[in-house]
PDB file of N, CA and C in Angstrom:
ATOM      1  N   MET A   1       0.857  -1.233  -0.049  1.00  0.00           N
ATOM      2  CA  MET A   1       0.029  -0.039  -0.093  1.00  0.00           C
ATOM      3  C   MET A   1       0.903   1.161  -0.006  1.00  0.00           C
ATOM      4  N   LEU A   2       0.851   2.087  -1.021  1.00  0.00           N
ATOM      5  CA  LEU A   2       1.600   3.213  -1.181  1.00  0.00           C
ATOM      6  C   LEU A   2       0.723   4.534  -0.650  1.00  0.00           C
ATOM      7  N   GLY A   3      -0.559   4.491  -0.610  1.00  0.00           N
ATOM      8  CA  GLY A   3      -1.328   5.504  -0.296  1.00  0.00           C
ATOM      9  C   GLY A   3      -2.736   5.358  -0.434  1.00  0.00           C
ATOM     10  N   GLY A   4      -3.625   6.443  -0.325  1.00  0.00           N
ATOM     11  CA  GLY A   4      -4.971   6.224  -0.568  1.00  0.00           C
ATOM     12  C   GLY A   4      -5.641   7.461  -1.220  1.00  0.00           C
ATOM     13  N   ILE A   5      -6.731   7.568  -1.933  1.00  0.00           N
ATOM     14  CA  ILE A   5      -7.515   8.515  -2.332  1.00  0.00           C
ATOM     15  C   ILE A   5      -9.053   8.266  -2.284  1.00  0.00           C
ATOM     16  N   ALA A   6      -9.780   9.190  -2.039  1.00  0.00           N
ATOM     17  CA  ALA A   6     -11.234   9.189  -2.007  1.00  0.00           C
ATOM     18  C   ALA A   6     -11.909  10.452  -2.689  1.00  0.00           C
ATOM     19  N   LEU A   7     -13.025   9.917  -3.372  1.00  0.00           N
ATOM     20  CA  LEU A   7     -13.788  10.960  -3.862  1.00  0.00           C
ATOM     21  C   LEU A   7     -15.074  10.982  -3.378  1.00  0.00           C
ATOM     22  N   ARG A   8     -15.365  12.334  -2.771  1.00  0.00           N
ATOM     23  CA  ARG A   8     -16.589  12.526  -1.864  1.00  0.00           C
ATOM     24  C   ARG A   8     -17.565  13.272  -2.792  1.00  0.00           C
ATOM     25  N   HIS A   9     -18.808  12.758  -2.819  1.00  0.00           N
ATOM     26  CA  HIS A   9     -19.810  13.606  -3.449  1.00  0.00           C
ATOM     27  C   HIS A   9     -20.650  14.439  -2.846  1.00  0.00           C
ATOM     28  N   GLU A  10     -21.419  15.389  -3.464  1.00  0.00           N
ATOM     29  CA  GLU A  10     -22.161  16.324  -2.815  1.00  0.00           C
ATOM     30  C   GLU A  10     -23.172  15.601  -1.858  1.00  0.00           C
ATOM     31  N   GLY A  11     -23.462  16.283  -0.773  1.00  0.00           N
ATOM     32  CA  GLY A  11     -24.268  15.719   0.257  1.00  0.00           C
ATOM     33  C   GLY A  11     -23.439  14.906   1.238  1.00  0.00           C
ATOM     34  N   ASN A  12     -22.229  14.681   1.052  1.00  0.00           N
ATOM     35  CA  ASN A  12     -21.286  14.057   2.201  1.00  0.00           C
ATOM     36  C   ASN A  12     -21.104  15.024   3.024  1.00  0.00           C
ATOM     37  N   GLU A  13     -21.229  14.856   4.291  1.00  0.00           N
ATOM     38  CA  GLU A  13     -21.021  15.814   5.406  1.00  0.00           C
ATOM     39  C   GLU A  13     -19.593  16.234   5.580  1.00  0.00           C
ATOM     40  N   PHE A  14     -18.740  15.506   4.760  1.00  0.00           N
ATOM     41  CA  PHE A  14     -17.155  15.998   5.112  1.00  0.00           C
ATOM     42  C   PHE A  14     -16.841  16.847   4.095  1.00  0.00           C
ATOM     43  N   VAL A  15     -17.475  17.037   2.933  1.00  0.00           N
ATOM     44  CA  VAL A  15     -17.186  17.868   1.712  1.00  0.00           C
ATOM     45  C   VAL A  15     -16.879  19.440   2.252  1.00  0.00           C
ATOM     46  N   PRO A  16     -17.650  19.959   3.083  1.00  0.00           N
ATOM     47  CA  PRO A  16     -17.373  21.459   3.438  1.00  0.00           C
ATOM     48  C   PRO A  16     -16.139  21.673   3.951  1.00  0.00           C
ATOM     49  N   TRP A  17     -15.652  20.775   4.764  1.00  0.00           N
ATOM     50  CA  TRP A  17     -14.371  20.891   5.521  1.00  0.00           C
ATOM     51  C   TRP A  17     -13.255  20.222   4.985  1.00  0.00           C
ATOM     52  N   ALA A  18     -13.506  18.999   4.581  1.00  0.00           N
ATOM     53  CA  ALA A  18     -12.426  18.105   3.899  1.00  0.00           C
ATOM     54  C   ALA A  18     -12.296  17.957   2.499  1.00  0.00           C
ATOM     55  N   GLY A  19     -13.178  18.649   1.910  1.00  0.00           N
ATOM     56  CA  GLY A  19     -13.159  18.710   0.174  1.00  0.00           C
ATOM     57  C   GLY A  19     -13.641  17.406  -0.524  1.00  0.00           C
ATOM     58  N   HIS A  20     -13.879  17.566  -1.732  1.00  0.00           N
ATOM     59  CA  HIS A  20     -14.319  16.456  -2.438  1.00  0.00           C
ATOM     60  C   HIS A  20     -13.444  15.425  -2.651  1.00  0.00           C
ATOM     61  N   ILE A  21     -12.167  15.651  -2.698  1.00  0.00           N
ATOM     62  CA  ILE A  21     -11.056  14.584  -2.775  1.00  0.00           C
ATOM     63  C   ILE A  21     -10.029  14.703  -1.504  1.00  0.00           C
ATOM     64  N   GLY A  22      -9.765  13.476  -0.851  1.00  0.00           N
ATOM     65  CA  GLY A  22      -8.785  13.414  -0.043  1.00  0.00           C
ATOM     66  C   GLY A  22      -7.799  12.247  -0.357  1.00  0.00           C
ATOM     67  N   TYR A  23      -6.538  12.613   0.064  1.00  0.00           N
ATOM     68  CA  TYR A  23      -5.529  11.708  -0.367  1.00  0.00           C
ATOM     69  C   TYR A  23      -4.303  11.703   0.480  1.00  0.00           C
ATOM     70  N   GLY A  24      -3.581  10.694   0.514  1.00  0.00           N
ATOM     71  CA  GLY A  24      -2.371  10.683   1.479  1.00  0.00           C
ATOM     72  C   GLY A  24      -1.483   9.556   0.836  1.00  0.00           C
ATOM     73  N   ILE A  25      -0.113   9.783   0.868  1.00  0.00           N
ATOM     74  CA  ILE A  25       0.796   8.826   0.330  1.00  0.00           C
ATOM     75  C   ILE A  25       1.687   8.720   1.708  1.00  0.00           C
ATOM     76  N   ARG A  26       2.256   7.317   1.741  1.00  0.00           N
ATOM     77  CA  ARG A  26       3.016   6.849   2.647  1.00  0.00           C
ATOM     78  C   ARG A  26       4.156   7.489   2.623  1.00  0.00           C
ATOM     79  N   PRO A  27       4.977   8.010   3.785  1.00  0.00           N
ATOM     80  CA  PRO A  27       6.104   8.752   3.588  1.00  0.00           C
ATOM     81  C   PRO A  27       7.076   8.161   2.924  1.00  0.00           C
ATOM     82  N   SER A  28       7.358   6.817   2.938  1.00  0.00           N
ATOM     83  CA  SER A  28       8.431   6.312   2.179  1.00  0.00           C
ATOM     84  C   SER A  28       8.196   6.227   0.625  1.00  0.00           C
ATOM     85  N   ALA A  29       6.850   6.566   0.389  1.00  0.00           N
ATOM     86  CA  ALA A  29       6.643   6.528  -1.100  1.00  0.00           C
ATOM     87  C   ALA A  29       6.497   7.863  -1.646  1.00  0.00           C
ATOM     88  N   ARG A  30       6.762   8.866  -1.070  1.00  0.00           N
ATOM     89  CA  ARG A  30       6.530  10.255  -1.478  1.00  0.00           C
ATOM     90  C   ARG A  30       7.573  10.747  -2.442  1.00  0.00           C
ATOM     91  N   ARG A  31       7.456  11.552  -3.095  1.00  0.00           N
ATOM     92  CA  ARG A  31       8.339  12.276  -4.212  1.00  0.00           C
ATOM     93  C   ARG A  31       8.608  11.370  -5.178  1.00  0.00           C
ATOM     94  N   ARG A  32       7.461  10.545  -5.646  1.00  0.00           N
ATOM     95  CA  ARG A  32       7.575   9.679  -6.886  1.00  0.00           C
ATOM     96  C   ARG A  32       6.457  10.110  -7.834  1.00  0.00           C
ATOM     97  N   GLY A  33       5.737  11.244  -7.641  1.00  0.00           N
ATOM     98  CA  GLY A  33       4.647  11.510  -8.472  1.00  0.00           C
ATOM     99  C   GLY A  33       3.271  10.887  -8.229  1.00  0.00           C
ATOM    100  N   LEU A  34       3.297   9.861  -7.257  1.00  0.00           N
ATOM    101  CA  LEU A  34       1.922   9.350  -7.017  1.00  0.00           C
ATOM    102  C   LEU A  34       0.887  10.059  -6.613  1.00  0.00           C
ATOM    103  N   ALA A  35       0.855  11.098  -5.939  1.00  0.00           N
ATOM    104  CA  ALA A  35      -0.181  11.942  -5.461  1.00  0.00           C
ATOM    105  C   ALA A  35      -0.569  12.647  -6.615  1.00  0.00           C
ATOM    106  N   THR A  36       0.314  13.094  -7.609  1.00  0.00           N
ATOM    107  CA  THR A  36      -0.050  13.856  -8.703  1.00  0.00           C
ATOM    108  C   THR A  36      -0.729  12.750  -9.596  1.00  0.00           C
ATOM    109  N   TRP A  37      -0.383  11.740  -9.894  1.00  0.00           N
ATOM    110  CA  TRP A  37      -0.892  10.701 -10.634  1.00  0.00           C
ATOM    111  C   TRP A  37      -2.390  10.399 -10.121  1.00  0.00           C
ATOM    112  N   ALA A  38      -2.533  10.025  -8.847  1.00  0.00           N
ATOM    113  CA  ALA A  38      -3.681   9.571  -8.168  1.00  0.00           C
ATOM    114  C   ALA A  38      -4.647  10.906  -8.392  1.00  0.00           C
ATOM    115  N   LEU A  39      -4.375  11.949  -8.041  1.00  0.00           N
ATOM    116  CA  LEU A  39      -5.344  13.259  -8.078  1.00  0.00           C
ATOM    117  C   LEU A  39      -5.794  13.350  -9.429  1.00  0.00           C
ATOM    118  N   GLY A  40      -4.900  13.379 -10.700  1.00  0.00           N
ATOM    119  CA  GLY A  40      -5.328  13.342 -11.869  1.00  0.00           C
ATOM    120  C   GLY A  40      -6.388  12.311 -12.246  1.00  0.00           C
ATOM    121  N   ARG A  41      -6.059  11.092 -11.917  1.00  0.00           N
ATOM    122  CA  ARG A  41      -7.229  10.016 -12.041  1.00  0.00           C
ATOM    123  C   ARG A  41      -8.476  10.278 -11.453  1.00  0.00           C
ATOM    124  N   MET A  42      -8.378  10.879 -10.247  1.00  0.00           N
ATOM    125  CA  MET A  42      -9.709  11.295  -9.602  1.00  0.00           C
ATOM    126  C   MET A  42     -10.494  12.412 -10.000  1.00  0.00           C
ATOM    127  N   VAL A  43      -9.689  13.289 -10.647  1.00  0.00           N
ATOM    128  CA  VAL A  43     -10.394  14.450 -11.277  1.00  0.00           C
ATOM    129  C   VAL A  43     -10.920  13.980 -12.580  1.00  0.00           C
ATOM    130  N   GLY A  44     -10.475  12.988 -13.246  1.00  0.00           N
ATOM    131  CA  GLY A  44     -11.018  12.473 -14.256  1.00  0.00           C
ATOM    132  C   GLY A  44     -12.229  11.475 -14.089  1.00  0.00           C
ATOM    133  N   GLU A  45     -12.090  11.004 -12.866  1.00  0.00           N
ATOM    134  CA  GLU A  45     -13.277  10.333 -12.618  1.00  0.00           C
ATOM    135  C   GLU A  45     -14.466  11.188 -12.216  1.00  0.00           C
ATOM    136  N   ALA A  46     -14.276  12.305 -11.404  1.00  0.00           N
ATOM    137  CA  ALA A  46     -15.131  13.360 -11.160  1.00  0.00           C
ATOM    138  C   ALA A  46     -15.886  13.853 -12.533  1.00  0.00           C
ATOM    139  N   ARG A  47     -15.012  14.158 -13.320  1.00  0.00           N
ATOM    140  CA  ARG A  47     -15.624  14.604 -14.718  1.00  0.00           C
ATOM    141  C   ARG A  47     -16.458  13.421 -15.444  1.00  0.00           C
ATOM    142  N   ALA A  48     -16.203  12.203 -15.184  1.00  0.00           N
ATOM    143  CA  ALA A  48     -17.042  11.473 -15.849  1.00  0.00           C
ATOM    144  C   ALA A  48     -18.361  11.247 -15.232  1.00  0.00           C
ATOM    145  N   LEU A  49     -18.323  11.587 -13.855  1.00  0.00           N
ATOM    146  CA  LEU A  49     -19.637  11.528 -12.823  1.00  0.00           C
ATOM    147  C   LEU A  49     -20.405  12.754 -13.223  1.00  0.00           C
ATOM    148  N   GLY A  50     -19.783  13.788 -13.886  1.00  0.00           N
ATOM    149  CA  GLY A  50     -20.561  15.065 -14.161  1.00  0.00           C
ATOM    150  C   GLY A  50     -20.311  16.225 -13.119  1.00  0.00           C
ATOM    151  N   MET A  51     -19.435  15.767 -12.246  1.00  0.00           N
ATOM    152  CA  MET A  51     -19.084  16.904 -11.262  1.00  0.00           C
ATOM    153  C   MET A  51     -18.312  18.094 -11.850  1.00  0.00           C
ATOM    154  N   GLU A  52     -19.028  19.208 -11.582  1.00  0.00           N
ATOM    155  CA  GLU A  52     -18.521  20.438 -12.265  1.00  0.00           C
ATOM    156  C   GLU A  52     -17.612  21.297 -11.496  1.00  0.00           C
ATOM    157  N   ARG A  53     -17.382  21.053 -10.136  1.00  0.00           N
ATOM    158  CA  ARG A  53     -16.362  21.718  -9.329  1.00  0.00           C
ATOM    159  C   ARG A  53     -16.019  20.913  -8.151  1.00  0.00           C
ATOM    160  N   LEU A  54     -14.842  20.916  -7.830  1.00  0.00           N
ATOM    161  CA  LEU A  54     -14.256  19.975  -6.749  1.00  0.00           C
ATOM    162  C   LEU A  54     -13.405  20.950  -5.749  1.00  0.00           C
ATOM    163  N   LEU A  55     -13.886  20.772  -4.508  1.00  0.00           N
ATOM    164  CA  LEU A  55     -12.903  21.557  -3.402  1.00  0.00           C
ATOM    165  C   LEU A  55     -11.952  20.327  -2.786  1.00  0.00           C
ATOM    166  N   VAL A  56     -10.732  20.830  -2.818  1.00  0.00           N
ATOM    167  CA  VAL A  56      -9.591  20.075  -2.417  1.00  0.00           C
ATOM    168  C   VAL A  56      -8.837  20.916  -1.574  1.00  0.00           C
ATOM    169  N   VAL A  57      -8.568  20.447  -0.356  1.00  0.00           N
ATOM    170  CA  VAL A  57      -7.937  21.173   0.950  1.00  0.00           C
ATOM    171  C   VAL A  57      -6.690  20.411   1.266  1.00  0.00           C
ATOM    172  N   CYS A  58      -5.837  21.302   1.925  1.00  0.00           N
ATOM    173  CA  CYS A  58      -4.521  20.782   2.405  1.00  0.00           C
ATOM    174  C   CYS A  58      -4.177  21.780   3.619  1.00  0.00           C
ATOM    175  N   GLU A  59      -3.453  21.128   4.356  1.00  0.00           N
ATOM    176  CA  GLU A  59      -2.959  21.973   5.436  1.00  0.00           C
ATOM    177  C   GLU A  59      -1.713  23.014   5.004  1.00  0.00           C
ATOM    178  N   ALA A  60      -1.864  24.226   5.326  1.00  0.00           N
ATOM    179  CA  ALA A  60      -0.986  25.425   4.864  1.00  0.00           C
ATOM    180  C   ALA A  60       0.433  24.993   4.896  1.00  0.00           C
ATOM    181  N   GLU A  61       0.932  24.312   5.763  1.00  0.00           N
ATOM    182  CA  GLU A  61       2.237  23.837   5.615  1.00  0.00           C
ATOM    183  C   GLU A  61       2.644  22.889   4.844  1.00  0.00           C
ATOM    184  N   ASN A  62       1.842  22.190   4.044  1.00  0.00           N
ATOM    185  CA  ASN A  62       1.923  20.947   3.276  1.00  0.00           C
ATOM    186  C   ASN A  62       2.353  21.604   1.852  1.00  0.00           C
ATOM    187  N   VAL A  63       3.377  22.115   1.597  1.00  0.00           N
ATOM    188  CA  VAL A  63       3.823  22.675   0.505  1.00  0.00           C
ATOM    189  C   VAL A  63       3.644  21.671  -0.778  1.00  0.00           C
ATOM    190  N   ALA A  64       4.193  20.272  -0.515  1.00  0.00           N
ATOM    191  CA  ALA A  64       4.072  19.357  -1.590  1.00  0.00           C
ATOM    192  C   ALA A  64       2.499  19.124  -2.161  1.00  0.00           C
ATOM    193  N   SER A  65       1.592  19.099  -1.088  1.00  0.00           N
ATOM    194  CA  SER A  65       0.173  18.811  -1.533  1.00  0.00           C
ATOM    195  C   SER A  65      -0.347  19.930  -2.209  1.00  0.00           C
ATOM    196  N   ALA A  66       0.158  21.129  -1.787  1.00  0.00           N
ATOM    197  CA  ALA A  66      -0.359  22.448  -2.540  1.00  0.00           C
ATOM    198  C   ALA A  66       0.030  22.541  -3.936  1.00  0.00           C
ATOM    199  N   LYS A  67       1.283  22.079  -4.153  1.00  0.00           N
ATOM    200  CA  LYS A  67       1.916  22.020  -5.466  1.00  0.00           C
ATOM    201  C   LYS A  67       1.057  21.023  -6.362  1.00  0.00           C
ATOM    202  N   THR A  68       0.778  19.860  -5.747  1.00  0.00           N
ATOM    203  CA  THR A  68       0.013  18.724  -6.440  1.00  0.00           C
ATOM    204  C   THR A  68      -1.302  19.386  -6.726  1.00  0.00           C
ATOM    205  N   ILE A  69      -1.990  19.850  -6.195  1.00  0.00           N
ATOM    206  CA  ILE A  69      -3.352  20.510  -6.396  1.00  0.00           C
ATOM    207  C   ILE A  69      -3.183  21.572  -7.433  1.00  0.00           C
ATOM    208  N   LEU A  70      -2.124  22.374  -7.431  1.00  0.00           N
ATOM    209  CA  LEU A  70      -1.860  23.407  -8.515  1.00  0.00           C
ATOM    210  C   LEU A  70      -1.535  22.851  -9.646  1.00  0.00           C
ATOM    211  N   ARG A  71      -0.866  21.757  -9.876  1.00  0.00           N
ATOM    212  CA  ARG A  71      -0.503  20.996 -11.004  1.00  0.00           C
ATOM    213  C   ARG A  71      -1.883  20.462 -11.915  1.00  0.00           C
ATOM    214  N   HIS A  72      -2.784  20.435 -11.135  1.00  0.00           N
ATOM    215  CA  HIS A  72      -4.111  19.877 -11.603  1.00  0.00           C
ATOM    216  C   HIS A  72      -5.201  21.107 -11.751  1.00  0.00           C
ATOM    217  N   GLY A  73      -4.627  22.317 -11.887  1.00  0.00           N
ATOM    218  CA  GLY A  73      -5.415  23.654 -11.939  1.00  0.00           C
ATOM    219  C   GLY A  73      -6.261  24.149 -10.945  1.00  0.00           C
ATOM    220  N   GLY A  74      -5.781  23.780  -9.720  1.00  0.00           N
ATOM    221  CA  GLY A  74      -6.516  24.350  -8.583  1.00  0.00           C
ATOM    222  C   GLY A  74      -6.450  25.781  -8.253  1.00  0.00           C
ATOM    223  N   ILE A  75      -7.218  26.526  -7.991  1.00  0.00           N
ATOM    224  CA  ILE A  75      -7.512  27.825  -7.979  1.00  0.00           C
ATOM    225  C   ILE A  75      -7.732  28.199  -6.418  1.00  0.00           C
ATOM    226  N   SER A  76      -6.820  28.890  -5.788  1.00  0.00           N
ATOM    227  CA  SER A  76      -6.956  29.281  -4.352  1.00  0.00           C
ATOM    228  C   SER A  76      -8.213  29.986  -3.977  1.00  0.00           C
ATOM    229  N   GLU A  77      -8.967  29.598  -3.017  1.00  0.00           N
ATOM    230  CA  GLU A  77      -9.953  30.173  -2.510  1.00  0.00           C
ATOM    231  C   GLU A  77      -9.659  31.495  -1.765  1.00  0.00           C
ATOM    232  N   ASP A  78      -8.683  31.593  -1.252  1.00  0.00           N
ATOM    233  CA  ASP A  78      -8.071  32.432  -0.444  1.00  0.00           C
ATOM    234  C   ASP A  78      -6.624  32.844  -0.966  1.00  0.00           C
ATOM    235  N   ALA A  79      -6.634  33.801  -1.699  1.00  0.00           N
ATOM    236  CA  ALA A  79      -5.121  34.038  -2.401  1.00  0.00           C
ATOM    237  C   ALA A  79      -4.102  34.406  -1.462  1.00  0.00           C
ATOM    238  N   ALA A  80      -4.533  35.019  -0.212  1.00  0.00           N
ATOM    239  CA  ALA A  80      -3.516  35.308   0.854  1.00  0.00           C
ATOM    240  C   ALA A  80      -2.950  34.100   1.475  1.00  0.00           C
ATOM    241  N   GLY A  81      -3.858  32.979   1.324  1.00  0.00           N
ATOM    242  CA  GLY A  81      -3.289  31.630   2.127  1.00  0.00           C
ATOM    243  C   GLY A  81      -3.297  31.904   3.423  1.00  0.00           C
ATOM    244  N   ARG A  82      -4.192  32.496   4.184  1.00  0.00           N
ATOM    245  CA  ARG A  82      -4.426  32.585   5.527  1.00  0.00           C
ATOM    246  C   ARG A  82      -5.007  31.352   5.987  1.00  0.00           C
ATOM    247  N   GLY A  83      -4.632  31.195   7.260  1.00  0.00           N
ATOM    248  CA  GLY A  83      -5.186  30.018   8.069  1.00  0.00           C
ATOM    249  C   GLY A  83      -4.478  28.766   8.145  1.00  0.00           C
ATOM    250  N   ALA A  84      -4.903  27.765   8.737  1.00  0.00           N
ATOM    251  CA  ALA A  84      -4.235  26.497   8.771  1.00  0.00           C
ATOM    252  C   ALA A  84      -4.648  25.488   7.730  1.00  0.00           C
ATOM    253  N   VAL A  85      -5.663  25.853   6.939  1.00  0.00           N
ATOM    254  CA  VAL A  85      -6.022  25.082   5.907  1.00  0.00           C
ATOM    255  C   VAL A  85      -6.202  25.907   4.709  1.00  0.00           C
ATOM    256  N   LEU A  86      -5.548  25.366   3.499  1.00  0.00           N
ATOM    257  CA  LEU A  86      -5.753  26.020   2.342  1.00  0.00           C
ATOM    258  C   LEU A  86      -6.796  25.161   1.343  1.00  0.00           C
ATOM    259  N   ARG A  87      -7.671  26.167   0.878  1.00  0.00           N
ATOM    260  CA  ARG A  87      -8.869  25.626   0.109  1.00  0.00           C
ATOM    261  C   ARG A  87      -8.765  26.052  -1.454  1.00  0.00           C
ATOM    262  N   TYR A  88      -8.580  24.892  -2.418  1.00  0.00           N
ATOM    263  CA  TYR A  88      -8.435  25.004  -3.582  1.00  0.00           C
ATOM    264  C   TYR A  88      -9.797  24.444  -4.329  1.00  0.00           C
ATOM    265  N   TRP A  89     -10.127  25.082  -5.557  1.00  0.00           N
ATOM    266  CA  TRP A  89     -11.297  24.703  -6.312  1.00  0.00           C
ATOM    267  C   TRP A  89     -10.716  24.131  -7.780  1.00  0.00           C
ATOM    268  N   ILE A  90     -11.093  23.034  -8.292  1.00  0.00           N
ATOM    269  CA  ILE A  90     -10.618  22.451  -9.517  1.00  0.00           C
ATOM    270  C   ILE A  90     -11.843  22.253 -10.281  1.00  0.00           C
ATOM    271  N   GLN A  91     -11.844  22.680 -11.682  1.00  0.00           N
ATOM    272  CA  GLN A  91     -13.052  22.433 -12.374  1.00  0.00           C
ATOM    273  C   GLN A  91     -12.490  21.157 -13.284  1.00  0.00           C
ATOM    274  N   PRO A  92     -13.374  19.934 -13.188  1.00  0.00           N
ATOM    275  CA  PRO A  92     -12.858  18.750 -13.891  1.00  0.00           C
ATOM    276  C   PRO A  92     -12.626  18.891 -15.272  1.00  0.00           C
ATOM    277  N   GLY A  93     -13.414  19.808 -15.856  1.00  0.00           N
ATOM    278  CA  GLY A  93     -13.355  20.072 -17.340  1.00  0.00           C
ATOM    279  C   GLY A  93     -12.137  20.804 -17.694  1.00  0.00           C
ATOM    280  N   GLY A  94     -11.271  21.365 -16.890  1.00  0.00           N
ATOM    281  CA  GLY A  94     -10.154  22.007 -17.087  1.00  0.00           C
ATOM    282  C   GLY A  94     -10.312  23.623 -17.625  1.00  0.00           C
ATOM    283  N   LEU A  95     -11.462  24.077 -17.123  1.00  0.00           N
ATOM    284  CA  LEU A  95     -11.702  25.447 -17.437  1.00  0.00           C
ATOM    285  C   LEU A  95     -11.748  26.214 -16.125  1.00  0.00           C
ATOM    286  N   ASN A  96     -10.792  26.309 -15.219  1.00  0.00           N
ATOM    287  CA  ASN A  96     -10.842  27.091 -14.088  1.00  0.00           C
ATOM    288  C   ASN A  96     -10.621  28.586 -14.593  1.00  0.00           C
ATOM    289  N   THR A  97     -11.456  29.331 -13.844  1.00  0.00           N
ATOM    290  CA  THR A  97     -11.479  30.816 -14.080  1.00  0.00           C
ATOM    291  C   THR A  97     -11.226  31.480 -12.630  1.00  0.00           C
TER     292      THR A  97
END
């Protein structure tokens, strides 16, 4: 097991604070591109399900996770990046504005 990823649908009580997608990579498996690959697959799955907008969150000090989200078109909800948690929105169709 190298890590895990989950897609939460609307109506799930965790979405407002944990986001639509949650993932984690085992420390010994990090820095191999696994999170980037897995997030891309999950964004594609969300697109196939017709989801139009995805909330993805990470802790403010988790620079690697923030970079992974940005690689998939994440747009920061709070450009100043204040707080313990950063919130990003991804449009599965790739049309972030």
